[in-house]
């Protein structure tokens, strides 16, 4: 895979993820926020919804061990988790 294709794929993943996040929790600056859980901008019910949407949209399985604040504090952290579980 070329670097351009890889970058396009990452942008597509992020676009889909941001759509999920904006639908689940409108009004949050997901592109810049790095403390979604720590600052209580999203709560446990939001995380459950986000996990369900991620699993359905990206066809991946997330384990209980994956559902920690560090993996959900930012859109980038969630994208990193998606990429890790997609391998």
C-alpha atoms as a PDB file:
ATOM      1  CA  UNK A   1       0.000   0.000   0.000  1.00  0.00           C
ATOM      2  CA  UNK A   2       1.372   3.393  -0.954  1.00  0.00           C
ATOM      3  CA  UNK A   3       1.753   6.187   1.542  1.00  0.00           C
ATOM      4  CA  UNK A   4      -1.030   8.187  -0.184  1.00  0.00           C
ATOM      5  CA  UNK A   5      -3.455   5.238  -0.003  1.00  0.00           C
ATOM      6  CA  UNK A   6      -2.543   4.635   3.635  1.00  0.00           C
ATOM      7  CA  UNK A   7      -3.160   8.312   4.462  1.00  0.00           C
ATOM      8  CA  UNK A   8      -6.504   8.264   2.623  1.00  0.00           C
ATOM      9  CA  UNK A   9      -7.554   5.169   4.571  1.00  0.00           C
ATOM     10  CA  UNK A  10      -6.659   6.852   7.898  1.00  0.00           C
ATOM     11  CA  UNK A  11      -8.630   9.955   6.920  1.00  0.00           C
ATOM     12  CA  UNK A  12     -11.633   7.775   6.007  1.00  0.00           C
ATOM     13  CA  UNK A  13     -11.455   6.005   9.383  1.00  0.00           C
ATOM     14  CA  UNK A  14     -11.253   9.332  11.192  1.00  0.00           C
ATOM     15  CA  UNK A  15     -14.167  10.762   9.173  1.00  0.00           C
ATOM     16  CA  UNK A  16     -16.355   7.781  10.078  1.00  0.00           C
ATOM     17  CA  UNK A  17     -15.271   7.957  13.719  1.00  0.00           C
ATOM     18  CA  UNK A  18     -15.995  11.685  13.949  1.00  0.00           C
ATOM     19  CA  UNK A  19     -19.446  11.092  12.469  1.00  0.00           C
ATOM     20  CA  UNK A  20     -20.134   8.500  15.187  1.00  0.00           C
ATOM     21  CA  UNK A  21     -18.874  10.820  17.921  1.00  0.00           C
ATOM     22  CA  UNK A  22     -20.786  13.883  16.698  1.00  0.00           C
ATOM     23  CA  UNK A  23     -24.000  11.879  16.459  1.00  0.00           C
ATOM     24  CA  UNK A  24     -23.542  10.361  19.911  1.00  0.00           C
ATOM     25  CA  UNK A  25     -22.416  13.537  21.679  1.00  0.00           C
ATOM     26  CA  UNK A  26     -23.141  16.685  19.660  1.00  0.00           C
ATOM     27  CA  UNK A  27     -21.469  19.934  20.632  1.00  0.00           C
ATOM     28  CA  UNK A  28     -18.061  18.543  21.637  1.00  0.00           C
ATOM     29  CA  UNK A  29     -14.898  19.539  19.757  1.00  0.00           C
ATOM     30  CA  UNK A  30     -13.745  15.993  19.047  1.00  0.00           C
ATOM     31  CA  UNK A  31     -11.002  17.128  16.683  1.00  0.00           C
ATOM     32  CA  UNK A  32      -9.128  18.977  19.436  1.00  0.00           C
ATOM     33  CA  UNK A  33     -10.300  17.648  22.796  1.00  0.00           C
ATOM     34  CA  UNK A  34      -7.866  15.312  24.588  1.00  0.00           C
ATOM     35  CA  UNK A  35      -9.683  14.791  27.887  1.00  0.00           C
ATOM     36  CA  UNK A  36     -13.101  13.470  26.891  1.00  0.00           C
ATOM     37  CA  UNK A  37     -13.344  11.011  29.785  1.00  0.00           C
ATOM     38  CA  UNK A  38     -11.039  12.777  32.243  1.00  0.00           C
ATOM     39  CA  UNK A  39     -12.997  16.047  31.922  1.00  0.00           C
ATOM     40  CA  UNK A  40     -16.300  14.123  32.004  1.00  0.00           C
ATOM     41  CA  UNK A  41     -17.332  15.428  28.584  1.00  0.00           C
ATOM     42  CA  UNK A  42     -18.500  11.896  27.809  1.00  0.00           C
ATOM     43  CA  UNK A  43     -19.860   9.483  30.401  1.00  0.00           C
ATOM     44  CA  UNK A  44     -20.019   5.701  30.690  1.00  0.00           C
ATOM     45  CA  UNK A  45     -23.250   5.453  28.702  1.00  0.00           C
ATOM     46  CA  UNK A  46     -21.680   7.502  25.906  1.00  0.00           C
ATOM     47  CA  UNK A  47     -18.673   5.172  25.908  1.00  0.00           C
ATOM     48  CA  UNK A  48     -20.935   2.109  25.654  1.00  0.00           C
ATOM     49  CA  UNK A  49     -22.739   3.678  22.686  1.00  0.00           C
ATOM     50  CA  UNK A  50     -19.447   4.665  21.039  1.00  0.00           C
ATOM     51  CA  UNK A  51     -18.011   1.160  21.543  1.00  0.00           C
ATOM     52  CA  UNK A  52     -21.102  -0.405  19.991  1.00  0.00           C
ATOM     53  CA  UNK A  53     -20.980   1.957  17.005  1.00  0.00           C
ATOM     54  CA  UNK A  54     -17.245   1.426  16.491  1.00  0.00           C
ATOM     55  CA  UNK A  55     -17.636  -2.351  16.553  1.00  0.00           C
ATOM     56  CA  UNK A  56     -20.503  -2.248  14.068  1.00  0.00           C
ATOM     57  CA  UNK A  57     -19.008   0.331  11.731  1.00  0.00           C
ATOM     58  CA  UNK A  58     -15.478  -1.042  11.593  1.00  0.00           C
ATOM     59  CA  UNK A  59     -16.253  -4.735  12.069  1.00  0.00           C
ATOM     60  CA  UNK A  60     -13.911  -5.146  15.023  1.00  0.00           C
ATOM     61  CA  UNK A  61     -14.229  -6.634  18.478  1.00  0.00           C
ATOM     62  CA  UNK A  62     -13.336  -4.614  21.548  1.00  0.00           C
ATOM     63  CA  UNK A  63     -12.690  -6.393  24.830  1.00  0.00           C
ATOM     64  CA  UNK A  64     -13.385  -5.225  28.359  1.00  0.00           C
ATOM     65  CA  UNK A  65      -9.644  -4.558  28.664  1.00  0.00           C
ATOM     66  CA  UNK A  66      -9.920  -2.056  25.791  1.00  0.00           C
ATOM     67  CA  UNK A  67     -12.520   0.059  27.562  1.00  0.00           C
ATOM     68  CA  UNK A  68     -10.250   2.275  29.628  1.00  0.00           C
ATOM     69  CA  UNK A  69     -10.200   6.082  29.798  1.00  0.00           C
ATOM     70  CA  UNK A  70      -6.900   6.330  27.901  1.00  0.00           C
ATOM     71  CA  UNK A  71      -8.525   4.752  24.832  1.00  0.00           C
ATOM     72  CA  UNK A  72     -11.474   7.169  24.849  1.00  0.00           C
ATOM     73  CA  UNK A  73      -9.978  10.510  25.910  1.00  0.00           C
ATOM     74  CA  UNK A  74      -9.617  11.681  22.306  1.00  0.00           C
ATOM     75  CA  UNK A  75     -10.690  10.821  18.793  1.00  0.00           C
ATOM     76  CA  UNK A  76      -7.047  10.063  17.987  1.00  0.00           C
ATOM     77  CA  UNK A  77      -6.846   7.553  20.864  1.00  0.00           C
ATOM     78  CA  UNK A  78     -10.017   5.872  19.592  1.00  0.00           C
ATOM     79  CA  UNK A  79      -8.630   5.776  16.054  1.00  0.00           C
ATOM     80  CA  UNK A  80      -5.413   4.212  17.351  1.00  0.00           C
ATOM     81  CA  UNK A  81      -7.507   1.552  19.091  1.00  0.00           C
ATOM     82  CA  UNK A  82      -9.499   0.897  15.900  1.00  0.00           C
ATOM     83  CA  UNK A  83      -6.290   0.549  13.904  1.00  0.00           C
ATOM     84  CA  UNK A  84      -4.790  -1.802  16.500  1.00  0.00           C
ATOM     85  CA  UNK A  85      -7.856  -4.068  16.562  1.00  0.00           C
ATOM     86  CA  UNK A  86      -8.160  -4.025  12.762  1.00  0.00           C
ATOM     87  CA  UNK A  87      -4.867  -5.851  12.329  1.00  0.00           C
END
